[in-house]
Amino acid sequence: MNWHQAFCFGLVLSFYFCCEVESRGFNIAVNNPFVNHDTAEAFARSFVRNIISSEAFGRQGTADFEDIVEDLVTAIKVSSHGEKESSAKVKAMTMAFASSIAELIVIEDSAENDMQQKTEIIIEALREAFLE
């Protein structure tokens, strides 16, 4: 496994486990943003807004993030029909989101310093989206 794959795998696992732990009285597993369409869409839009405000990914990177989020929101909307998602679907959507984001970081720029900076931007954007 090369370092790009290891990085992607690590980021996916970090995001996945972040959604499984309790932090400061806020149970992310219970309040997972992908539980229903409305919260998933609000979370995703907030995340993209935070990414765009950083201006670190350029025009193409921003468009890629917007496309990924739009596809994910559409998939949740089509699959849920306004109902609460099953635990398996929530985990699958969470993993799809995390792996897509990790892949975009690696594809957009493979310079190690830039990847670290962009990973920190992603982490902060996720934190802000969770708080909203």
C-alpha atoms as a PDB file:
ATOM      1  CA  MET A   1       0.000   0.000   0.000  1.00  0.00           C
ATOM      2  CA  ASN A   2       1.539   3.314  -1.027  1.00  0.00           C
ATOM      3  CA  TRP A   3       1.331   6.401   1.156  1.00  0.00           C
ATOM      4  CA  HIS A   4      -1.606   7.889  -0.800  1.00  0.00           C
ATOM      5  CA  GLN A   5      -3.721   4.825  -0.124  1.00  0.00           C
ATOM      6  CA  ALA A   6      -2.631   4.731   3.515  1.00  0.00           C
ATOM      7  CA  PHE A   7      -3.504   8.404   3.899  1.00  0.00           C
ATOM      8  CA  CYS A   8      -6.963   7.946   2.365  1.00  0.00           C
ATOM      9  CA  PHE A   9      -7.613   4.884   4.476  1.00  0.00           C
ATOM     10  CA  GLY A  10      -6.527   6.710   7.634  1.00  0.00           C
ATOM     11  CA  LEU A  11      -8.713   9.727   6.906  1.00  0.00           C
ATOM     12  CA  VAL A  12     -11.723   7.528   6.208  1.00  0.00           C
ATOM     13  CA  LEU A  13     -11.207   5.610   9.450  1.00  0.00           C
ATOM     14  CA  SER A  14     -10.717   8.822  11.415  1.00  0.00           C
ATOM     15  CA  PHE A  15     -13.969  10.307  10.147  1.00  0.00           C
ATOM     16  CA  TYR A  16     -15.831   7.041  10.679  1.00  0.00           C
ATOM     17  CA  PHE A  17     -14.635   6.668  14.266  1.00  0.00           C
ATOM     18  CA  CYS A  18     -15.295  10.341  14.926  1.00  0.00           C
ATOM     19  CA  CYS A  19     -18.947   9.592  14.223  1.00  0.00           C
ATOM     20  CA  GLU A  20     -18.921   6.711  16.713  1.00  0.00           C
ATOM     21  CA  VAL A  21     -17.564   8.404  19.827  1.00  0.00           C
ATOM     22  CA  GLU A  22     -19.043  10.724  22.389  1.00  0.00           C
ATOM     23  CA  SER A  23     -17.398  14.070  22.807  1.00  0.00           C
ATOM     24  CA  ARG A  24     -18.239  16.739  25.398  1.00  0.00           C
ATOM     25  CA  GLY A  25     -21.732  15.394  26.003  1.00  0.00           C
ATOM     26  CA  PHE A  26     -22.554  15.421  22.304  1.00  0.00           C
ATOM     27  CA  ASN A  27     -23.105  11.917  21.013  1.00  0.00           C
ATOM     28  CA  ILE A  28     -22.172  12.099  17.353  1.00  0.00           C
ATOM     29  CA  ALA A  29     -23.357   8.525  16.722  1.00  0.00           C
ATOM     30  CA  VAL A  30     -26.868   9.544  17.782  1.00  0.00           C
ATOM     31  CA  ASN A  31     -26.669  12.943  16.090  1.00  0.00           C
ATOM     32  CA  ASN A  32     -25.027  11.738  12.890  1.00  0.00           C
ATOM     33  CA  PRO A  33     -25.831  14.277  10.168  1.00  0.00           C
ATOM     34  CA  PHE A  34     -26.647  11.514   7.695  1.00  0.00           C
ATOM     35  CA  VAL A  35     -29.579  10.165   9.740  1.00  0.00           C
ATOM     36  CA  ASN A  36     -32.117  11.982   7.578  1.00  0.00           C
ATOM     37  CA  HIS A  37     -32.226  14.039   4.413  1.00  0.00           C
ATOM     38  CA  ASP A  38     -32.685  17.445   6.028  1.00  0.00           C
ATOM     39  CA  THR A  39     -29.758  17.200   8.430  1.00  0.00           C
ATOM     40  CA  ALA A  40     -27.563  15.578   5.771  1.00  0.00           C
ATOM     41  CA  GLU A  41     -28.258  18.389   3.343  1.00  0.00           C
ATOM     42  CA  ALA A  42     -27.682  21.107   5.946  1.00  0.00           C
ATOM     43  CA  PHE A  43     -24.443  19.456   7.080  1.00  0.00           C
ATOM     44  CA  ALA A  44     -23.180  18.971   3.528  1.00  0.00           C
ATOM     45  CA  ARG A  45     -23.996  22.540   2.473  1.00  0.00           C
ATOM     46  CA  SER A  46     -22.293  23.911   5.579  1.00  0.00           C
ATOM     47  CA  PHE A  47     -19.239  21.756   4.914  1.00  0.00           C
ATOM     48  CA  VAL A  48     -18.928  22.962   1.315  1.00  0.00           C
ATOM     49  CA  ARG A  49     -19.456  26.582   2.376  1.00  0.00           C
ATOM     50  CA  ASN A  50     -16.559  26.208   4.850  1.00  0.00           C
ATOM     51  CA  ILE A  51     -14.362  24.595   2.180  1.00  0.00           C
ATOM     52  CA  ILE A  52     -15.093  27.376  -0.309  1.00  0.00           C
ATOM     53  CA  SER A  53     -14.287  30.062   2.250  1.00  0.00           C
ATOM     54  CA  SER A  54     -10.795  28.594   2.746  1.00  0.00           C
ATOM     55  CA  GLU A  55      -9.914  29.145  -0.946  1.00  0.00           C
ATOM     56  CA  ALA A  56      -7.239  26.424  -0.621  1.00  0.00           C
ATOM     57  CA  PHE A  57      -8.658  24.038  -3.195  1.00  0.00           C
ATOM     58  CA  GLY A  58      -9.032  26.310  -6.189  1.00  0.00           C
ATOM     59  CA  ARG A  59     -11.945  26.524  -8.573  1.00  0.00           C
ATOM     60  CA  GLN A  60     -11.785  22.899  -9.772  1.00  0.00           C
ATOM     61  CA  GLY A  61     -11.396  21.504  -6.252  1.00  0.00           C
ATOM     62  CA  THR A  62     -14.357  23.518  -5.036  1.00  0.00           C
ATOM     63  CA  ALA A  63     -16.464  22.310  -7.962  1.00  0.00           C
ATOM     64  CA  ASP A  64     -15.460  18.716  -7.176  1.00  0.00           C
ATOM     65  CA  PHE A  65     -16.510  19.092  -3.530  1.00  0.00           C
ATOM     66  CA  GLU A  66     -19.821  20.620  -4.591  1.00  0.00           C
ATOM     67  CA  ASP A  67     -20.451  17.766  -7.042  1.00  0.00           C
ATOM     68  CA  ILE A  68     -19.661  15.074  -4.464  1.00  0.00           C
ATOM     69  CA  VAL A  69     -21.911  16.683  -1.872  1.00  0.00           C
ATOM     70  CA  GLU A  70     -24.729  17.178  -4.384  1.00  0.00           C
ATOM     71  CA  ASP A  71     -24.537  13.514  -5.423  1.00  0.00           C
ATOM     72  CA  LEU A  72     -24.561  12.388  -1.797  1.00  0.00           C
ATOM     73  CA  VAL A  73     -27.533  14.588  -0.886  1.00  0.00           C
ATOM     74  CA  THR A  74     -29.426  13.313  -3.924  1.00  0.00           C
ATOM     75  CA  ALA A  75     -28.669   9.702  -2.975  1.00  0.00           C
ATOM     76  CA  ILE A  76     -29.915  10.274   0.566  1.00  0.00           C
ATOM     77  CA  LYS A  77     -33.052  12.005  -0.684  1.00  0.00           C
ATOM     78  CA  VAL A  78     -33.865   9.224  -3.152  1.00  0.00           C
ATOM     79  CA  SER A  79     -33.184   6.422  -0.676  1.00  0.00           C
ATOM     80  CA  SER A  80     -34.945   7.881   2.350  1.00  0.00           C
ATOM     81  CA  HIS A  81     -38.342   8.987   1.022  1.00  0.00           C
ATOM     82  CA  GLY A  82     -38.588  11.252   4.080  1.00  0.00           C
ATOM     83  CA  GLU A  83     -38.021   8.428   6.552  1.00  0.00           C
ATOM     84  CA  LYS A  84     -35.247   7.964   9.083  1.00  0.00           C
ATOM     85  CA  GLU A  85     -32.315   6.059   7.590  1.00  0.00           C
ATOM     86  CA  SER A  86     -31.347   2.597   8.850  1.00  0.00           C
ATOM     87  CA  SER A  87     -28.105   2.234  10.765  1.00  0.00           C
ATOM     88  CA  ALA A  88     -26.477   0.424   7.844  1.00  0.00           C
ATOM     89  CA  LYS A  89     -27.432   3.186   5.387  1.00  0.00           C
ATOM     90  CA  VAL A  90     -26.163   5.874   7.746  1.00  0.00           C
ATOM     91  CA  LYS A  91     -22.812   4.120   8.078  1.00  0.00           C
ATOM     92  CA  ALA A  92     -22.603   3.596   4.319  1.00  0.00           C
ATOM     93  CA  MET A  93     -23.357   7.268   3.612  1.00  0.00           C
ATOM     94  CA  THR A  94     -20.819   8.354   6.231  1.00  0.00           C
ATOM     95  CA  MET A  95     -18.148   6.138   4.695  1.00  0.00           C
ATOM     96  CA  ALA A  96     -19.008   7.299   1.163  1.00  0.00           C
ATOM     97  CA  PHE A  97     -18.700  10.915   2.237  1.00  0.00           C
ATOM     98  CA  ALA A  98     -15.411  10.372   4.081  1.00  0.00           C
ATOM     99  CA  SER A  99     -13.786   8.332   1.331  1.00  0.00           C
ATOM    100  CA  SER A 100     -14.832  10.820  -1.360  1.00  0.00           C
ATOM    101  CA  ILE A 101     -13.361  13.719   0.585  1.00  0.00           C
ATOM    102  CA  ALA A 102     -10.129  11.823   1.272  1.00  0.00           C
ATOM    103  CA  GLU A 103      -9.792  10.908  -2.387  1.00  0.00           C
ATOM    104  CA  LEU A 104     -10.288  14.537  -3.462  1.00  0.00           C
ATOM    105  CA  ILE A 105      -7.514  15.679  -1.124  1.00  0.00           C
ATOM    106  CA  VAL A 106      -5.081  13.170  -2.601  1.00  0.00           C
ATOM    107  CA  ILE A 107      -6.085  13.686  -6.239  1.00  0.00           C
ATOM    108  CA  GLU A 108      -6.191  17.483  -6.178  1.00  0.00           C
ATOM    109  CA  ASP A 109      -2.642  17.916  -4.917  1.00  0.00           C
ATOM    110  CA  SER A 110      -0.137  15.256  -4.010  1.00  0.00           C
ATOM    111  CA  ALA A 111       2.468  17.526  -2.395  1.00  0.00           C
ATOM    112  CA  GLU A 112       2.832  16.363   1.194  1.00  0.00           C
ATOM    113  CA  ASN A 113       2.785  19.837   2.780  1.00  0.00           C
ATOM    114  CA  ASP A 114      -0.270  20.872   0.785  1.00  0.00           C
ATOM    115  CA  MET A 115      -2.052  17.657   1.739  1.00  0.00           C
ATOM    116  CA  GLN A 116      -1.420  18.294   5.420  1.00  0.00           C
ATOM    117  CA  GLN A 117      -2.701  21.864   5.141  1.00  0.00           C
ATOM    118  CA  LYS A 118      -5.761  20.748   3.180  1.00  0.00           C
ATOM    119  CA  THR A 119      -6.455  17.947   5.648  1.00  0.00           C
ATOM    120  CA  GLU A 120      -6.447  20.502   8.462  1.00  0.00           C
ATOM    121  CA  ILE A 121      -8.849  22.682   6.465  1.00  0.00           C
ATOM    122  CA  ILE A 122     -11.144  19.678   5.949  1.00  0.00           C
ATOM    123  CA  ILE A 123     -11.055  18.837   9.659  1.00  0.00           C
ATOM    124  CA  GLU A 124     -11.944  22.412  10.572  1.00  0.00           C
ATOM    125  CA  ALA A 125     -14.719  22.503   7.946  1.00  0.00           C
ATOM    126  CA  LEU A 126     -16.153  19.267   9.362  1.00  0.00           C
ATOM    127  CA  ARG A 127     -15.960  20.650  12.903  1.00  0.00           C
ATOM    128  CA  GLU A 128     -17.795  23.814  11.878  1.00  0.00           C
ATOM    129  CA  ALA A 129     -20.428  21.841   9.958  1.00  0.00           C
ATOM    130  CA  PHE A 130     -21.055  19.588  12.974  1.00  0.00           C
ATOM    131  CA  LEU A 131     -21.463  22.619  15.230  1.00  0.00           C
ATOM    132  CA  GLU A 132     -23.996  24.231  12.903  1.00  0.00           C
END
